[in-house]
PDB file of N, CA and C in Angstrom:
ATOM      1  N   PHE A   1     -76.104 136.134 -42.799  1.00  0.00           N
ATOM      2  CA  PHE A   1     -76.138 135.387 -44.109  1.00  0.00           C
ATOM      3  C   PHE A   1     -75.944 133.897 -43.877  1.00  0.00           C
ATOM      4  N   VAL A   2     -77.098 133.292 -44.514  1.00  0.00           N
ATOM      5  CA  VAL A   2     -77.111 131.668 -44.365  1.00  0.00           C
ATOM      6  C   VAL A   2     -77.033 131.233 -45.729  1.00  0.00           C
ATOM      7  N   ASP A   3     -76.171 130.016 -45.915  1.00  0.00           N
ATOM      8  CA  ASP A   3     -75.740 129.618 -47.269  1.00  0.00           C
ATOM      9  C   ASP A   3     -76.488 128.214 -47.581  1.00  0.00           C
ATOM     10  N   GLY A   4     -77.406 127.856 -46.332  1.00  0.00           N
ATOM     11  CA  GLY A   4     -78.080 126.548 -46.711  1.00  0.00           C
ATOM     12  C   GLY A   4     -77.444 125.427 -46.069  1.00  0.00           C
ATOM     13  N   SER A   5     -76.265 125.463 -46.030  1.00  0.00           N
ATOM     14  CA  SER A   5     -75.444 124.306 -45.747  1.00  0.00           C
ATOM     15  C   SER A   5     -75.177 124.013 -44.191  1.00  0.00           C
ATOM     16  N   VAL A   6     -75.410 125.282 -43.637  1.00  0.00           N
ATOM     17  CA  VAL A   6     -75.388 125.133 -42.018  1.00  0.00           C
ATOM     18  C   VAL A   6     -76.646 124.330 -41.404  1.00  0.00           C
ATOM     19  N   PRO A   7     -76.504 123.404 -40.592  1.00  0.00           N
ATOM     20  CA  PRO A   7     -77.758 122.662 -40.198  1.00  0.00           C
ATOM     21  C   PRO A   7     -78.520 123.419 -39.074  1.00  0.00           C
ATOM     22  N   TYR A   8     -79.260 124.428 -39.397  1.00  0.00           N
ATOM     23  CA  TYR A   8     -79.918 124.961 -38.157  1.00  0.00           C
ATOM     24  C   TYR A   8     -80.890 123.996 -37.790  1.00  0.00           C
ATOM     25  N   ARG A   9     -81.098 124.182 -36.425  1.00  0.00           N
ATOM     26  CA  ARG A   9     -82.384 123.437 -35.947  1.00  0.00           C
ATOM     27  C   ARG A   9     -83.686 124.448 -35.885  1.00  0.00           C
ATOM     28  N   LEU A  10     -84.492 124.017 -36.624  1.00  0.00           N
ATOM     29  CA  LEU A  10     -85.521 124.929 -37.082  1.00  0.00           C
ATOM     30  C   LEU A  10     -86.554 124.981 -35.805  1.00  0.00           C
ATOM     31  N   LEU A  11     -87.008 125.920 -35.179  1.00  0.00           N
ATOM     32  CA  LEU A  11     -87.872 125.806 -33.961  1.00  0.00           C
ATOM     33  C   LEU A  11     -89.362 125.842 -34.460  1.00  0.00           C
ATOM     34  N   GLY A  12     -89.683 126.286 -35.636  1.00  0.00           N
ATOM     35  CA  GLY A  12     -91.013 126.218 -35.971  1.00  0.00           C
ATOM     36  C   GLY A  12     -91.007 127.007 -37.585  1.00  0.00           C
ATOM     37  N   ARG A  13     -92.121 126.955 -38.151  1.00  0.00           N
ATOM     38  CA  ARG A  13     -92.551 127.582 -39.365  1.00  0.00           C
ATOM     39  C   ARG A  13     -93.690 128.272 -39.289  1.00  0.00           C
ATOM     40  N   LYS A  14     -93.758 129.677 -39.651  1.00  0.00           N
ATOM     41  CA  LYS A  14     -94.994 130.495 -39.553  1.00  0.00           C
ATOM     42  C   LYS A  14     -94.940 131.441 -40.610  1.00  0.00           C
ATOM     43  N   ASP A  15     -95.900 131.509 -41.533  1.00  0.00           N
ATOM     44  CA  ASP A  15     -96.062 132.412 -42.512  1.00  0.00           C
ATOM     45  C   ASP A  15     -95.097 132.562 -43.418  1.00  0.00           C
ATOM     46  N   GLY A  16     -94.456 131.481 -43.782  1.00  0.00           N
ATOM     47  CA  GLY A  16     -93.285 131.495 -44.664  1.00  0.00           C
ATOM     48  C   GLY A  16     -92.035 131.828 -44.016  1.00  0.00           C
ATOM     49  N   TYR A  17     -92.172 131.699 -42.637  1.00  0.00           N
ATOM     50  CA  TYR A  17     -90.965 132.128 -42.104  1.00  0.00           C
ATOM     51  C   TYR A  17     -90.283 130.925 -41.121  1.00  0.00           C
ATOM     52  N   LEU A  18     -89.201 130.888 -41.081  1.00  0.00           N
ATOM     53  CA  LEU A  18     -88.339 129.679 -40.237  1.00  0.00           C
ATOM     54  C   LEU A  18     -87.777 130.328 -38.931  1.00  0.00           C
ATOM     55  N   GLY A  19     -88.252 129.681 -38.015  1.00  0.00           N
ATOM     56  CA  GLY A  19     -87.641 130.237 -36.531  1.00  0.00           C
ATOM     57  C   GLY A  19     -86.374 129.467 -36.303  1.00  0.00           C
ATOM     58  N   ILE A  20     -85.280 130.038 -36.063  1.00  0.00           N
ATOM     59  CA  ILE A  20     -83.977 129.547 -36.066  1.00  0.00           C
ATOM     60  C   ILE A  20     -83.331 129.797 -34.477  1.00  0.00           C
ATOM     61  N   GLY A  21     -84.223 130.050 -33.636  1.00  0.00           N
ATOM     62  CA  GLY A  21     -83.682 130.594 -32.376  1.00  0.00           C
ATOM     63  C   GLY A  21     -83.393 131.722 -32.088  1.00  0.00           C
ATOM     64  N   ASN A  22     -83.122 132.040 -30.815  1.00  0.00           N
ATOM     65  CA  ASN A  22     -82.766 133.477 -30.275  1.00  0.00           C
ATOM     66  C   ASN A  22     -83.683 134.464 -30.859  1.00  0.00           C
ATOM     67  N   ASN A  23     -85.130 134.133 -31.257  1.00  0.00           N
ATOM     68  CA  ASN A  23     -86.095 134.893 -31.682  1.00  0.00           C
ATOM     69  C   ASN A  23     -85.638 135.371 -32.994  1.00  0.00           C
ATOM     70  N   ALA A  24     -84.969 134.560 -33.737  1.00  0.00           N
ATOM     71  CA  ALA A  24     -84.626 134.894 -35.011  1.00  0.00           C
ATOM     72  C   ALA A  24     -85.415 134.243 -36.192  1.00  0.00           C
ATOM     73  N   TRP A  25     -85.986 134.914 -37.172  1.00  0.00           N
ATOM     74  CA  TRP A  25     -86.869 134.446 -37.977  1.00  0.00           C
ATOM     75  C   TRP A  25     -86.414 134.698 -39.455  1.00  0.00           C
ATOM     76  N   VAL A  26     -86.400 133.707 -40.125  1.00  0.00           N
ATOM     77  CA  VAL A  26     -85.622 133.951 -41.816  1.00  0.00           C
ATOM     78  C   VAL A  26     -86.727 133.362 -42.759  1.00  0.00           C
ATOM     79  N   LYS A  27     -86.997 134.170 -43.821  1.00  0.00           N
ATOM     80  CA  LYS A  27     -87.656 133.772 -44.840  1.00  0.00           C
ATOM     81  C   LYS A  27     -87.274 132.441 -45.340  1.00  0.00           C
ATOM     82  N   GLU A  28     -88.376 131.772 -45.340  1.00  0.00           N
ATOM     83  CA  GLU A  28     -88.215 130.411 -45.953  1.00  0.00           C
ATOM     84  C   GLU A  28     -87.660 130.243 -47.336  1.00  0.00           C
ATOM     85  N   GLU A  29     -87.882 130.950 -48.116  1.00  0.00           N
ATOM     86  CA  GLU A  29     -87.451 131.207 -49.565  1.00  0.00           C
ATOM     87  C   GLU A  29     -85.814 131.298 -49.593  1.00  0.00           C
ATOM     88  N   HIS A  30     -85.041 131.486 -48.462  1.00  0.00           N
ATOM     89  CA  HIS A  30     -83.589 131.613 -48.420  1.00  0.00           C
ATOM     90  C   HIS A  30     -83.233 130.351 -48.277  1.00  0.00           C
ATOM     91  N   PHE A  31     -83.970 129.120 -48.145  1.00  0.00           N
ATOM     92  CA  PHE A  31     -83.519 127.933 -47.369  1.00  0.00           C
ATOM     93  C   PHE A  31     -84.008 126.880 -48.793  1.00  0.00           C
ATOM     94  N   ASP A  32     -83.262 125.891 -48.864  1.00  0.00           N
ATOM     95  CA  ASP A  32     -83.700 124.516 -49.425  1.00  0.00           C
ATOM     96  C   ASP A  32     -84.171 123.452 -48.522  1.00  0.00           C
ATOM     97  N   VAL A  33     -85.375 124.011 -48.050  1.00  0.00           N
ATOM     98  CA  VAL A  33     -85.941 123.080 -46.940  1.00  0.00           C
ATOM     99  C   VAL A  33     -86.537 121.631 -47.360  1.00  0.00           C
ATOM    100  N   ARG A  34     -86.018 120.843 -46.603  1.00  0.00           N
ATOM    101  CA  ARG A  34     -86.312 119.366 -46.736  1.00  0.00           C
ATOM    102  C   ARG A  34     -87.221 118.726 -45.805  1.00  0.00           C
TER     103      ARG A  34
END
Protein backbone atom coordinates (compact mmCIF):
# COMPACT_ATOMS: atom_id res chain seq x y z
CA PHE A 1 0.00 0.00 0.00
CA VAL A 2 1.29 3.41 -0.96
CA ASP A 3 -0.28 6.58 0.36
CA GLY A 4 1.42 8.91 -2.08
CA SER A 5 3.44 10.73 0.58
CA VAL A 6 6.41 8.42 0.27
CA PRO A 7 8.94 9.88 -2.18
CA TYR A 8 9.48 6.92 -4.43
CA ARG A 9 12.21 7.20 -7.01
CA LEU A 10 10.30 6.37 -10.15
CA LEU A 11 12.36 4.30 -12.54
CA GLY A 12 10.06 4.66 -15.49
CA ARG A 13 6.53 5.03 -16.77
CA LYS A 14 4.94 2.49 -19.06
CA ASP A 15 1.35 2.03 -20.18
CA GLY A 16 -0.06 3.81 -17.14
CA TYR A 17 2.26 2.06 -14.71
CA LEU A 18 5.11 3.49 -12.69
CA GLY A 19 8.30 1.54 -12.02
CA ILE A 20 9.40 1.94 -8.42
CA GLY A 21 12.31 -0.47 -8.38
CA ASN A 22 12.80 -4.14 -7.54
CA ASN A 23 10.79 -4.93 -10.67
CA ALA A 24 7.73 -3.46 -8.95
CA TRP A 25 5.15 -1.68 -11.07
CA VAL A 26 2.16 0.17 -9.70
CA LYS A 27 -0.75 1.71 -11.52
CA GLU A 28 -0.27 5.40 -12.06
CA GLU A 29 -3.84 6.16 -10.98
CA HIS A 30 -2.89 5.35 -7.37
CA PHE A 31 -0.50 8.28 -7.28
CA ASP A 32 -0.76 12.02 -7.45
CA VAL A 33 2.02 12.31 -10.00
CA ARG A 34 3.62 15.73 -10.32
